[in-house]
Amino acid sequence: MADVLLSTDDLLVIGGPTTIDLQLDYGAKGSRGSQIFLSNGNPNTEGNILDTPIINDLAINTSAADTEEYLYLYQYKYVDAVLAWHPYLKLLPNQFSANYAVAFTAGVGTVTVEIPSVALPTTGAPYSASNFNIQATVSNSSPVAVSVEIGTVTPGDVYTLPLTFRAAQYASSTWSSLNTTKTVYVTISVV
């Protein structure tokens, strides 16, 4: 209780306590925030997540053998009244862009691309030309028509992908094969 120090009909001065004792309590433990799990394959498969997930937890598929959903991020949530892991996004878009100095002779030039630059190799069936979508543009002051031929993937410690470019330039109202070194802008997508 406060002590009255001075009191008149128009004024009341009250003094506060000399000490204040404040005690803190951390309270009951609340639920944890989102957890990120690493899963050896699709997290919906039993045994891939070792802890019990709660809603909004995340999981990353780290199994390179899972060619369909490798490096997918999943979220644990209700969808259509089912509580399960649902694919959210892919962490590594399998796309690679680079510029290569290509020496063209009679309109033909080649370059070899290391596949780990594009996507990590997986176990199972080897890569083939049908796994790649390649776009190429040749840097030149006049128009250039270019086509890309995808060679056979060479396995090893590092997989390699040979690319053959065929290019012709349009100058002085005529098409002629390139016979010089040009910069080729290449974008490769793994499909």
Protein backbone atom coordinates (compact mmCIF):
# COMPACT_ATOMS: atom_id res chain seq x y z
CA MET A 1 0.00 0.00 0.00
CA ALA A 2 1.21 3.50 -0.84
CA ASP A 3 1.96 5.99 1.96
CA VAL A 4 0.12 9.33 1.87
CA LEU A 5 2.79 12.01 2.02
CA LEU A 6 0.66 15.16 1.70
CA SER A 7 -3.07 15.66 1.47
CA THR A 8 -5.16 18.76 0.89
CA ASP A 9 -8.59 19.31 -0.61
CA ASP A 10 -7.03 20.08 -4.01
CA LEU A 11 -3.87 17.96 -3.98
CA LEU A 12 -2.92 14.44 -2.97
CA VAL A 13 0.73 13.28 -3.17
CA ILE A 14 1.29 9.57 -2.79
CA GLY A 15 4.73 7.93 -2.39
CA GLY A 16 5.48 4.57 -4.00
CA PRO A 17 6.98 1.50 -2.38
CA THR A 18 10.71 1.54 -1.61
CA THR A 19 11.33 -1.82 -3.33
CA ILE A 20 9.64 -3.93 -6.01
CA ASP A 21 10.10 -7.70 -6.05
CA LEU A 22 9.52 -9.11 -9.56
CA GLN A 23 9.59 -12.88 -10.05
CA LEU A 24 9.68 -14.44 -13.53
CA ASP A 25 8.45 -17.87 -14.59
CA TYR A 26 9.27 -19.37 -17.98
CA GLY A 27 5.91 -21.13 -18.08
CA ALA A 28 5.01 -24.41 -19.71
CA LYS A 29 6.97 -25.64 -22.73
CA GLY A 30 5.25 -24.77 -26.00
CA SER A 31 5.27 -26.76 -29.23
CA ARG A 32 8.43 -26.55 -31.31
CA GLY A 33 8.67 -24.63 -34.55
CA SER A 34 9.06 -26.17 -37.98
CA GLN A 35 11.66 -28.90 -38.22
CA ILE A 36 13.54 -29.79 -41.40
CA PHE A 37 14.22 -33.51 -41.88
CA LEU A 38 16.49 -35.28 -44.37
CA SER A 39 14.73 -38.26 -45.91
CA ASN A 40 16.29 -41.22 -47.72
CA GLY A 41 13.63 -41.17 -50.42
CA ASN A 42 9.99 -40.09 -50.33
CA PRO A 43 9.24 -39.20 -46.66
CA ASN A 44 5.83 -40.89 -46.90
CA THR A 45 7.63 -44.25 -47.05
CA GLU A 46 7.85 -45.78 -43.57
CA GLY A 47 11.27 -45.49 -41.96
CA ASN A 48 12.50 -42.53 -43.99
CA ILE A 49 11.73 -40.01 -41.20
CA LEU A 50 12.96 -41.11 -37.77
CA ASP A 51 11.07 -38.52 -35.67
CA THR A 52 7.34 -37.90 -35.43
CA PRO A 53 6.51 -34.91 -37.65
CA ILE A 54 4.04 -32.18 -36.81
CA ILE A 55 2.03 -30.05 -39.21
CA ASN A 56 4.17 -27.69 -41.34
CA ASP A 57 7.41 -29.65 -40.81
CA LEU A 58 9.61 -29.92 -43.90
CA ALA A 59 11.57 -32.84 -45.39
CA ILE A 60 14.15 -33.01 -48.17
CA ASN A 61 14.53 -36.16 -50.28
CA THR A 62 18.31 -36.77 -50.29
CA SER A 63 18.25 -40.14 -52.09
CA ALA A 64 19.98 -39.77 -55.48
CA ALA A 65 18.54 -43.20 -56.34
CA ASP A 66 15.04 -41.65 -56.37
CA THR A 67 15.25 -40.33 -59.91
CA GLU A 68 11.70 -38.93 -59.88
CA GLU A 69 11.74 -36.87 -56.65
CA TYR A 70 15.43 -36.37 -55.75
CA LEU A 71 15.96 -33.03 -53.93
CA TYR A 72 12.23 -32.39 -53.55
CA LEU A 73 11.14 -30.37 -50.52
CA TYR A 74 8.00 -31.77 -48.86
CA GLN A 75 5.68 -30.19 -46.30
CA TYR A 76 3.72 -32.20 -43.73
CA LYS A 77 0.12 -30.97 -43.95
CA TYR A 78 -3.53 -31.86 -44.40
CA VAL A 79 -4.72 -32.11 -47.99
CA ASP A 80 -8.18 -33.54 -48.70
CA ALA A 81 -8.46 -34.64 -45.05
CA VAL A 82 -5.23 -36.67 -45.27
CA LEU A 83 -2.22 -35.80 -43.12
CA ALA A 84 0.88 -36.65 -45.17
CA TRP A 85 4.06 -35.30 -46.75
CA HIS A 86 3.25 -33.33 -49.91
CA PRO A 87 5.79 -32.23 -52.56
CA TYR A 88 6.32 -28.49 -52.31
CA LEU A 89 9.15 -27.64 -54.71
CA LYS A 90 12.37 -28.98 -56.20
CA LEU A 91 15.45 -27.45 -54.59
CA LEU A 92 17.75 -27.86 -57.58
CA PRO A 93 16.33 -26.98 -60.94
CA ASN A 94 18.18 -29.21 -63.37
CA GLN A 95 19.30 -26.41 -65.61
CA PHE A 96 22.77 -25.26 -66.57
CA SER A 97 23.95 -22.33 -68.69
CA ALA A 98 27.46 -21.64 -69.95
CA ASN A 99 29.30 -19.87 -72.75
CA TYR A 100 31.78 -21.87 -74.83
CA ALA A 101 34.39 -20.73 -77.34
CA VAL A 102 33.72 -23.14 -80.21
CA ALA A 103 36.04 -23.47 -83.20
CA PHE A 104 33.91 -24.01 -86.30
CA THR A 105 35.36 -25.72 -89.39
CA ALA A 106 33.10 -26.02 -92.44
CA GLY A 107 30.20 -25.06 -90.16
CA VAL A 108 30.83 -27.80 -87.56
CA GLY A 109 32.05 -27.26 -83.99
CA THR A 110 32.06 -29.46 -80.90
CA VAL A 111 32.15 -29.07 -77.14
CA THR A 112 32.03 -31.61 -74.29
CA VAL A 113 29.95 -30.81 -71.19
CA GLU A 114 30.44 -32.52 -67.83
CA ILE A 115 27.04 -33.80 -66.67
CA PRO A 116 27.65 -33.12 -62.95
CA SER A 117 27.59 -29.46 -63.96
CA VAL A 118 24.02 -30.05 -65.07
CA ALA A 119 22.67 -32.70 -62.69
CA LEU A 120 24.07 -35.23 -60.27
CA PRO A 121 24.34 -38.72 -61.76
CA THR A 122 21.90 -41.25 -60.38
CA THR A 123 22.03 -44.97 -60.04
CA GLY A 124 20.00 -47.03 -62.46
CA ALA A 125 19.59 -46.40 -66.17
CA PRO A 126 22.32 -44.25 -67.76
CA TYR A 127 21.63 -40.88 -69.27
CA SER A 128 20.75 -40.68 -72.96
CA ALA A 129 20.12 -37.85 -75.41
CA SER A 130 16.41 -37.99 -74.57
CA ASN A 131 17.20 -36.74 -71.02
CA PHE A 132 18.37 -33.32 -72.26
CA ASN A 133 16.79 -30.22 -73.76
CA ILE A 134 19.52 -28.02 -75.25
CA GLN A 135 19.27 -24.49 -76.59
CA ALA A 136 22.17 -22.75 -78.30
CA THR A 137 22.81 -19.29 -79.72
CA VAL A 138 25.92 -18.21 -81.61
CA SER A 139 27.29 -14.72 -80.98
CA ASN A 140 27.74 -13.04 -84.36
CA SER A 141 27.21 -9.66 -86.01
CA SER A 142 25.04 -11.19 -88.76
CA PRO A 143 22.24 -13.77 -88.43
CA VAL A 144 23.32 -17.35 -87.66
CA ALA A 145 21.31 -20.55 -87.99
CA VAL A 146 22.50 -23.24 -85.57
CA SER A 147 21.46 -26.80 -84.81
CA VAL A 148 22.61 -29.04 -81.95
CA GLU A 149 23.31 -32.75 -82.09
CA ILE A 150 23.54 -34.55 -78.74
CA GLY A 151 26.12 -37.34 -78.71
CA THR A 152 26.31 -40.48 -76.58
CA VAL A 153 26.77 -39.90 -72.88
CA THR A 154 30.16 -41.19 -71.74
CA PRO A 155 30.09 -42.73 -68.23
CA GLY A 156 33.00 -42.56 -65.80
CA ASP A 157 33.97 -40.69 -62.66
CA VAL A 158 32.48 -37.69 -64.44
CA TYR A 159 29.82 -38.26 -67.08
CA THR A 160 30.39 -36.23 -70.25
CA LEU A 161 27.97 -35.09 -72.93
CA PRO A 162 29.41 -34.32 -76.38
CA LEU A 163 27.56 -31.64 -78.34
CA THR A 164 28.02 -30.97 -82.05
CA PHE A 165 26.94 -27.61 -83.43
CA ARG A 166 26.26 -27.00 -87.11
CA ALA A 167 26.10 -23.31 -87.96
CA ALA A 168 25.79 -21.06 -91.01
CA GLN A 169 25.73 -17.29 -91.18
CA TYR A 170 23.72 -15.07 -93.49
CA ALA A 171 25.79 -12.29 -95.03
CA SER A 172 25.71 -10.50 -98.40
CA SER A 173 22.42 -12.21 -99.33
CA THR A 174 23.90 -15.69 -98.99
CA TRP A 175 24.32 -18.43 -96.40
CA SER A 176 27.81 -19.74 -95.68
CA SER A 177 29.24 -22.20 -93.14
CA LEU A 178 31.06 -20.72 -90.15
CA ASN A 179 34.84 -21.12 -90.30
CA THR A 180 35.99 -19.27 -87.20
CA THR A 181 35.85 -19.45 -83.42
CA LYS A 182 32.61 -18.07 -82.01
CA THR A 183 31.07 -17.84 -78.55
CA VAL A 184 28.14 -20.24 -78.22
CA TYR A 185 25.63 -19.58 -75.43
CA VAL A 186 24.31 -22.96 -74.25
CA THR A 187 21.43 -23.71 -71.90
CA ILE A 188 20.88 -27.35 -70.90
CA SER A 189 17.85 -28.67 -69.05
CA VAL A 190 17.64 -32.20 -67.72
CA VAL A 191 14.20 -33.67 -68.39
